[in-house]
């Protein structure tokens, strides 16, 4: 805004975690929404597994999520 850029006309802005204030920002913030408790539980499980077996091969998990389009990105 201070540089004269307009959202979403000149730059798109998106967040990650769907915090409530993003809904009321001007313009409202497009975000990635996911189950924070499930995300934390999964991270802690991975950490526990790594501590129990440091030589364990890395694992890649995808946490269910959804993009919530709002006014901060062009449709």
PDB file of N, CA and C in Angstrom:
ATOM      1  N   UNK A   1       0.823  -1.173   0.000  1.00  0.00           N
ATOM      2  CA  UNK A   1       0.000   0.000   0.000  1.00  0.00           C
ATOM      3  C   UNK A   1       0.879   1.253   0.000  1.00  0.00           C
ATOM      4  N   UNK A   2       1.911   1.306   0.868  1.00  0.00           N
ATOM      5  CA  UNK A   2       2.796   2.463   0.935  1.00  0.00           C
ATOM      6  C   UNK A   2       3.562   2.689  -0.360  1.00  0.00           C
ATOM      7  N   UNK A   3       3.758   1.673  -1.150  1.00  0.00           N
ATOM      8  CA  UNK A   3       4.475   1.792  -2.424  1.00  0.00           C
ATOM      9  C   UNK A   3       3.532   1.956  -3.611  1.00  0.00           C
ATOM     10  N   UNK A   4       2.267   2.097  -3.318  1.00  0.00           N
ATOM     11  CA  UNK A   4       1.293   2.292  -4.388  1.00  0.00           C
ATOM     12  C   UNK A   4       0.847   1.018  -5.079  1.00  0.00           C
ATOM     13  N   UNK A   5       1.160  -0.127  -4.498  1.00  0.00           N
ATOM     14  CA  UNK A   5       0.730  -1.397  -5.078  1.00  0.00           C
ATOM     15  C   UNK A   5      -0.669  -1.726  -4.592  1.00  0.00           C
ATOM     16  N   UNK A   6      -1.445  -2.320  -5.484  1.00  0.00           N
ATOM     17  CA  UNK A   6      -2.817  -2.688  -5.145  1.00  0.00           C
ATOM     18  C   UNK A   6      -2.948  -4.210  -5.082  1.00  0.00           C
ATOM     19  N   UNK A   7      -3.616  -4.667  -4.049  1.00  0.00           N
ATOM     20  CA  UNK A   7      -3.891  -6.094  -3.867  1.00  0.00           C
ATOM     21  C   UNK A   7      -5.336  -6.325  -4.262  1.00  0.00           C
ATOM     22  N   UNK A   8      -5.659  -7.225  -5.164  1.00  0.00           N
ATOM     23  CA  UNK A   8      -4.804  -8.170  -5.865  1.00  0.00           C
ATOM     24  C   UNK A   8      -4.393  -7.696  -7.258  1.00  0.00           C
ATOM     25  N   UNK A   9      -4.649  -6.442  -7.632  1.00  0.00           N
ATOM     26  CA  UNK A   9      -4.368  -5.985  -8.995  1.00  0.00           C
ATOM     27  C   UNK A   9      -2.893  -6.081  -9.364  1.00  0.00           C
ATOM     28  N   UNK A  10      -2.004  -5.646  -8.482  1.00  0.00           N
ATOM     29  CA  UNK A  10      -0.573  -5.636  -8.781  1.00  0.00           C
ATOM     30  C   UNK A  10       0.183  -6.787  -8.138  1.00  0.00           C
ATOM     31  N   UNK A  11      -0.291  -7.267  -7.018  1.00  0.00           N
ATOM     32  CA  UNK A  11       0.374  -8.352  -6.294  1.00  0.00           C
ATOM     33  C   UNK A  11      -0.684  -9.182  -5.564  1.00  0.00           C
ATOM     34  N   UNK A  12      -0.518 -10.493  -5.607  1.00  0.00           N
ATOM     35  CA  UNK A  12      -1.419 -11.391  -4.872  1.00  0.00           C
ATOM     36  C   UNK A  12      -0.795 -11.708  -3.523  1.00  0.00           C
ATOM     37  N   UNK A  13      -1.624 -11.845  -2.509  1.00  0.00           N
ATOM     38  CA  UNK A  13      -1.144 -12.150  -1.162  1.00  0.00           C
ATOM     39  C   UNK A  13      -1.946 -13.326  -0.626  1.00  0.00           C
ATOM     40  N   UNK A  14      -1.236 -14.297  -0.059  1.00  0.00           N
ATOM     41  CA  UNK A  14      -1.913 -15.455   0.534  1.00  0.00           C
ATOM     42  C   UNK A  14      -1.246 -15.796   1.856  1.00  0.00           C
ATOM     43  N   UNK A  15      -2.025 -16.350   2.757  1.00  0.00           N
ATOM     44  CA  UNK A  15      -1.521 -16.770   4.050  1.00  0.00           C
ATOM     45  C   UNK A  15      -1.552 -18.277   4.174  1.00  0.00           C
ATOM     46  N   UNK A  16      -1.094 -18.748   5.307  1.00  0.00           N
ATOM     47  CA  UNK A  16      -1.052 -20.184   5.562  1.00  0.00           C
ATOM     48  C   UNK A  16      -1.437 -20.412   7.010  1.00  0.00           C
ATOM     49  N   UNK A  17      -2.626 -20.833   7.247  1.00  0.00           N
ATOM     50  CA  UNK A  17      -3.144 -21.278   8.541  1.00  0.00           C
ATOM     51  C   UNK A  17      -4.534 -20.732   8.843  1.00  0.00           C
ATOM     52  N   UNK A  18      -5.084 -19.908   7.979  1.00  0.00           N
ATOM     53  CA  UNK A  18      -6.472 -19.438   8.089  1.00  0.00           C
ATOM     54  C   UNK A  18      -6.783 -18.835   9.459  1.00  0.00           C
ATOM     55  N   UNK A  19      -5.907 -17.947   9.928  1.00  0.00           N
ATOM     56  CA  UNK A  19      -6.196 -17.269  11.190  1.00  0.00           C
ATOM     57  C   UNK A  19      -7.368 -16.311  10.990  1.00  0.00           C
ATOM     58  N   UNK A  20      -8.161 -16.157  12.026  1.00  0.00           N
ATOM     59  CA  UNK A  20      -9.387 -15.364  11.932  1.00  0.00           C
ATOM     60  C   UNK A  20      -9.168 -13.931  11.463  1.00  0.00           C
ATOM     61  N   UNK A  21      -8.140 -13.212  11.927  1.00  0.00           N
ATOM     62  CA  UNK A  21      -7.970 -11.832  11.463  1.00  0.00           C
ATOM     63  C   UNK A  21      -7.833 -11.702   9.938  1.00  0.00           C
ATOM     64  N   UNK A  22      -7.333 -12.750   9.276  1.00  0.00           N
ATOM     65  CA  UNK A  22      -7.202 -12.714   7.818  1.00  0.00           C
ATOM     66  C   UNK A  22      -8.535 -12.572   7.113  1.00  0.00           C
ATOM     67  N   UNK A  23      -9.583 -13.046   7.742  1.00  0.00           N
ATOM     68  CA  UNK A  23     -10.928 -12.940   7.154  1.00  0.00           C
ATOM     69  C   UNK A  23     -11.406 -11.503   7.125  1.00  0.00           C
ATOM     70  N   UNK A  24     -10.897 -10.713   8.072  1.00  0.00           N
ATOM     71  CA  UNK A  24     -11.393  -9.341   8.222  1.00  0.00           C
ATOM     72  C   UNK A  24     -10.401  -8.294   7.733  1.00  0.00           C
ATOM     73  N   UNK A  25      -9.258  -8.753   7.209  1.00  0.00           N
ATOM     74  CA  UNK A  25      -8.285  -7.815   6.643  1.00  0.00           C
ATOM     75  C   UNK A  25      -8.905  -7.153   5.415  1.00  0.00           C
ATOM     76  N   UNK A  26      -8.327  -6.058   4.993  1.00  0.00           N
ATOM     77  CA  UNK A  26      -8.797  -5.377   3.784  1.00  0.00           C
ATOM     78  C   UNK A  26      -7.640  -5.325   2.812  1.00  0.00           C
ATOM     79  N   UNK A  27      -7.746  -6.082   1.702  1.00  0.00           N
ATOM     80  CA  UNK A  27      -8.796  -7.047   1.373  1.00  0.00           C
ATOM     81  C   UNK A  27      -8.636  -8.328   2.204  1.00  0.00           C
ATOM     82  N   UNK A  28      -9.719  -9.106   2.268  1.00  0.00           N
ATOM     83  CA  UNK A  28      -9.662 -10.362   3.028  1.00  0.00           C
ATOM     84  C   UNK A  28      -8.604 -11.280   2.417  1.00  0.00           C
ATOM     85  N   UNK A  29      -7.909 -12.034   3.275  1.00  0.00           N
ATOM     86  CA  UNK A  29      -6.719 -12.782   2.894  1.00  0.00           C
ATOM     87  C   UNK A  29      -7.036 -14.193   2.418  1.00  0.00           C
ATOM     88  N   UNK A  30      -6.631 -14.493   1.178  1.00  0.00           N
ATOM     89  CA  UNK A  30      -6.675 -15.868   0.691  1.00  0.00           C
ATOM     90  C   UNK A  30      -5.728 -16.681   1.566  1.00  0.00           C
ATOM     91  N   UNK A  31      -6.085 -17.933   1.848  1.00  0.00           N
ATOM     92  CA  UNK A  31      -5.268 -18.710   2.786  1.00  0.00           C
ATOM     93  C   UNK A  31      -5.325 -20.197   2.479  1.00  0.00           C
ATOM     94  N   UNK A  32      -4.416 -20.924   3.094  1.00  0.00           N
ATOM     95  CA  UNK A  32      -4.459 -22.383   3.099  1.00  0.00           C
ATOM     96  C   UNK A  32      -4.981 -22.783   4.476  1.00  0.00           C
ATOM     97  N   UNK A  33      -6.051 -23.537   4.482  1.00  0.00           N
ATOM     98  CA  UNK A  33      -6.692 -23.947   5.729  1.00  0.00           C
ATOM     99  C   UNK A  33      -6.416 -25.426   5.980  1.00  0.00           C
ATOM    100  N   UNK A  34      -6.141 -25.758   7.232  1.00  0.00           N
ATOM    101  CA  UNK A  34      -5.903 -27.149   7.610  1.00  0.00           C
ATOM    102  C   UNK A  34      -6.212 -27.313   9.085  1.00  0.00           C
ATOM    103  N   UNK A  35      -6.308 -28.557   9.519  1.00  0.00           N
ATOM    104  CA  UNK A  35      -6.588 -28.881  10.913  1.00  0.00           C
ATOM    105  C   UNK A  35      -5.296 -28.702  11.719  1.00  0.00           C
ATOM    106  N   UNK A  36      -5.194 -27.626  12.473  1.00  0.00           N
ATOM    107  CA  UNK A  36      -3.970 -27.307  13.207  1.00  0.00           C
ATOM    108  C   UNK A  36      -3.630 -28.382  14.232  1.00  0.00           C
ATOM    109  N   UNK A  37      -4.623 -28.902  14.933  1.00  0.00           N
ATOM    110  CA  UNK A  37      -4.349 -29.966  15.920  1.00  0.00           C
ATOM    111  C   UNK A  37      -3.815 -31.227  15.236  1.00  0.00           C
ATOM    112  N   UNK A  38      -4.430 -31.590  14.121  1.00  0.00           N
ATOM    113  CA  UNK A  38      -3.961 -32.756  13.367  1.00  0.00           C
ATOM    114  C   UNK A  38      -2.555 -32.549  12.836  1.00  0.00           C
ATOM    115  N   UNK A  39      -2.261 -31.343  12.367  1.00  0.00           N
ATOM    116  CA  UNK A  39      -0.938 -30.999  11.872  1.00  0.00           C
ATOM    117  C   UNK A  39       0.096 -31.142  12.995  1.00  0.00           C
ATOM    118  N   UNK A  40      -0.212 -30.586  14.165  1.00  0.00           N
ATOM    119  CA  UNK A  40       0.696 -30.656  15.308  1.00  0.00           C
ATOM    120  C   UNK A  40       0.895 -32.100  15.765  1.00  0.00           C
ATOM    121  N   UNK A  41      -0.179 -32.869  15.815  1.00  0.00           N
ATOM    122  CA  UNK A  41      -0.080 -34.267  16.244  1.00  0.00           C
ATOM    123  C   UNK A  41       0.800 -35.058  15.280  1.00  0.00           C
ATOM    124  N   UNK A  42       0.633 -34.817  13.986  1.00  0.00           N
ATOM    125  CA  UNK A  42       1.452 -35.501  12.984  1.00  0.00           C
ATOM    126  C   UNK A  42       2.918 -35.123  13.141  1.00  0.00           C
ATOM    127  N   UNK A  43       3.195 -33.839  13.339  1.00  0.00           N
ATOM    128  CA  UNK A  43       4.576 -33.379  13.525  1.00  0.00           C
ATOM    129  C   UNK A  43       5.202 -34.014  14.764  1.00  0.00           C
ATOM    130  N   UNK A  44       4.446 -34.089  15.846  1.00  0.00           N
ATOM    131  CA  UNK A  44       4.970 -34.699  17.068  1.00  0.00           C
ATOM    132  C   UNK A  44       5.209 -36.195  16.900  1.00  0.00           C
ATOM    133  N   UNK A  45       4.332 -36.868  16.158  1.00  0.00           N
ATOM    134  CA  UNK A  45       4.542 -38.291  15.880  1.00  0.00           C
ATOM    135  C   UNK A  45       5.837 -38.501  15.089  1.00  0.00           C
ATOM    136  N   UNK A  46       6.062 -37.653  14.085  1.00  0.00           N
ATOM    137  CA  UNK A  46       7.285 -37.769  13.289  1.00  0.00           C
ATOM    138  C   UNK A  46       8.522 -37.504  14.148  1.00  0.00           C
ATOM    139  N   UNK A  47       8.425 -36.507  15.011  1.00  0.00           N
ATOM    140  CA  UNK A  47       9.541 -36.197  15.899  1.00  0.00           C
ATOM    141  C   UNK A  47       9.833 -37.357  16.847  1.00  0.00           C
ATOM    142  N   UNK A  48       8.786 -37.924  17.436  1.00  0.00           N
ATOM    143  CA  UNK A  48       8.961 -39.076  18.332  1.00  0.00           C
ATOM    144  C   UNK A  48       9.637 -40.232  17.599  1.00  0.00           C
ATOM    145  N   UNK A  49       9.162 -40.513  16.374  1.00  0.00           N
ATOM    146  CA  UNK A  49       9.740 -41.603  15.592  1.00  0.00           C
ATOM    147  C   UNK A  49      11.220 -41.346  15.304  1.00  0.00           C
ATOM    148  N   UNK A  50      11.581 -40.099  15.015  1.00  0.00           N
ATOM    149  CA  UNK A  50      12.975 -39.756  14.722  1.00  0.00           C
ATOM    150  C   UNK A  50      13.841 -39.911  15.983  1.00  0.00           C
ATOM    151  N   UNK A  51      13.313 -39.494  17.116  1.00  0.00           N
ATOM    152  CA  UNK A  51      14.057 -39.626  18.375  1.00  0.00           C
ATOM    153  C   UNK A  51      14.279 -41.098  18.713  1.00  0.00           C
ATOM    154  N   UNK A  52      13.242 -41.927  18.517  1.00  0.00           N
ATOM    155  CA  UNK A  52      13.350 -43.353  18.813  1.00  0.00           C
ATOM    156  C   UNK A  52      14.303 -44.077  17.866  1.00  0.00           C
ATOM    157  N   UNK A  53      14.399 -43.589  16.614  1.00  0.00           N
ATOM    158  CA  UNK A  53      15.255 -44.242  15.619  1.00  0.00           C
ATOM    159  C   UNK A  53      15.863 -43.174  14.710  1.00  0.00           C
ATOM    160  N   UNK A  54      16.986 -42.581  15.127  1.00  0.00           N
ATOM    161  CA  UNK A  54      17.600 -41.501  14.346  1.00  0.00           C
ATOM    162  C   UNK A  54      18.023 -41.912  12.937  1.00  0.00           C
ATOM    163  N   UNK A  55      18.221 -43.209  12.696  1.00  0.00           N
ATOM    164  CA  UNK A  55      18.644 -43.673  11.372  1.00  0.00           C
ATOM    165  C   UNK A  55      17.473 -44.014  10.457  1.00  0.00           C
ATOM    166  N   UNK A  56      16.285 -43.847  10.953  1.00  0.00           N
ATOM    167  CA  UNK A  56      15.082 -44.131  10.169  1.00  0.00           C
ATOM    168  C   UNK A  56      15.067 -43.257   8.915  1.00  0.00           C
ATOM    169  N   UNK A  57      14.676 -43.807   7.777  1.00  0.00           N
ATOM    170  CA  UNK A  57      14.626 -42.973   6.563  1.00  0.00           C
ATOM    171  C   UNK A  57      13.553 -41.881   6.695  1.00  0.00           C
ATOM    172  N   UNK A  58      13.774 -40.741   6.063  1.00  0.00           N
ATOM    173  CA  UNK A  58      12.781 -39.666   6.116  1.00  0.00           C
ATOM    174  C   UNK A  58      11.446 -40.104   5.513  1.00  0.00           C
ATOM    175  N   UNK A  59      10.382 -39.531   6.031  1.00  0.00           N
ATOM    176  CA  UNK A  59       9.042 -39.794   5.492  1.00  0.00           C
ATOM    177  C   UNK A  59       8.431 -38.472   5.058  1.00  0.00           C
ATOM    178  N   UNK A  60       7.619 -38.508   4.042  1.00  0.00           N
ATOM    179  CA  UNK A  60       6.894 -37.334   3.583  1.00  0.00           C
ATOM    180  C   UNK A  60       5.403 -37.604   3.743  1.00  0.00           C
ATOM    181  N   UNK A  61       4.737 -36.732   4.478  1.00  0.00           N
ATOM    182  CA  UNK A  61       3.302 -36.859   4.697  1.00  0.00           C
ATOM    183  C   UNK A  61       2.604 -35.600   4.192  1.00  0.00           C
ATOM    184  N   UNK A  62       1.408 -35.764   3.705  1.00  0.00           N
ATOM    185  CA  UNK A  62       0.600 -34.624   3.287  1.00  0.00           C
ATOM    186  C   UNK A  62      -0.577 -34.502   4.237  1.00  0.00           C
ATOM    187  N   UNK A  63      -0.690 -33.349   4.856  1.00  0.00           N
ATOM    188  CA  UNK A  63      -1.800 -33.078   5.763  1.00  0.00           C
ATOM    189  C   UNK A  63      -2.971 -32.568   4.922  1.00  0.00           C
ATOM    190  N   UNK A  64      -4.181 -33.097   5.129  1.00  0.00           N
ATOM    191  CA  UNK A  64      -5.326 -32.587   4.369  1.00  0.00           C
ATOM    192  C   UNK A  64      -5.453 -31.066   4.540  1.00  0.00           C
ATOM    193  N   UNK A  65      -5.695 -30.395   3.434  1.00  0.00           N
ATOM    194  CA  UNK A  65      -5.764 -28.935   3.444  1.00  0.00           C
ATOM    195  C   UNK A  65      -6.654 -28.445   2.298  1.00  0.00           C
ATOM    196  N   UNK A  66      -6.968 -27.176   2.322  1.00  0.00           N
ATOM    197  CA  UNK A  66      -7.775 -26.582   1.254  1.00  0.00           C
ATOM    198  C   UNK A  66      -7.365 -25.118   1.102  1.00  0.00           C
ATOM    199  N   UNK A  67      -7.344 -24.652  -0.135  1.00  0.00           N
ATOM    200  CA  UNK A  67      -7.124 -23.229  -0.402  1.00  0.00           C
ATOM    201  C   UNK A  67      -8.472 -22.527  -0.250  1.00  0.00           C
ATOM    202  N   UNK A  68      -8.482 -21.468   0.526  1.00  0.00           N
ATOM    203  CA  UNK A  68      -9.696 -20.678   0.731  1.00  0.00           C
ATOM    204  C   UNK A  68      -9.487 -19.352   0.001  1.00  0.00           C
ATOM    205  N   UNK A  69     -10.045 -19.228  -1.206  1.00  0.00           N
ATOM    206  CA  UNK A  69      -9.829 -17.991  -1.963  1.00  0.00           C
ATOM    207  C   UNK A  69     -10.641 -16.840  -1.392  1.00  0.00           C
ATOM    208  N   UNK A  70      -9.975 -15.702  -1.226  1.00  0.00           N
ATOM    209  CA  UNK A  70     -10.637 -14.495  -0.763  1.00  0.00           C
ATOM    210  C   UNK A  70     -10.165 -13.345  -1.648  1.00  0.00           C
ATOM    211  N   UNK A  71     -10.389 -12.138  -1.226  1.00  0.00           N
ATOM    212  CA  UNK A  71     -10.176 -10.967  -2.088  1.00  0.00           C
ATOM    213  C   UNK A  71      -8.708 -10.606  -2.320  1.00  0.00           C
ATOM    214  N   UNK A  72      -7.752 -11.213  -1.612  1.00  0.00           N
ATOM    215  CA  UNK A  72      -6.349 -10.822  -1.781  1.00  0.00           C
ATOM    216  C   UNK A  72      -5.663 -11.486  -2.973  1.00  0.00           C
ATOM    217  N   UNK A  73      -6.403 -12.325  -3.694  1.00  0.00           N
ATOM    218  CA  UNK A  73      -5.875 -12.926  -4.920  1.00  0.00           C
ATOM    219  C   UNK A  73      -6.925 -12.793  -6.005  1.00  0.00           C
ATOM    220  N   UNK A  74      -6.472 -12.696  -7.252  1.00  0.00           N
ATOM    221  CA  UNK A  74      -7.410 -12.588  -8.364  1.00  0.00           C
ATOM    222  C   UNK A  74      -8.116 -13.917  -8.572  1.00  0.00           C
ATOM    223  N   UNK A  75      -9.329 -13.876  -8.955  1.00  0.00           N
ATOM    224  CA  UNK A  75     -10.122 -15.089  -9.156  1.00  0.00           C
ATOM    225  C   UNK A  75      -9.930 -15.604 -10.555  1.00  0.00           C
TER     226      UNK A  75
END
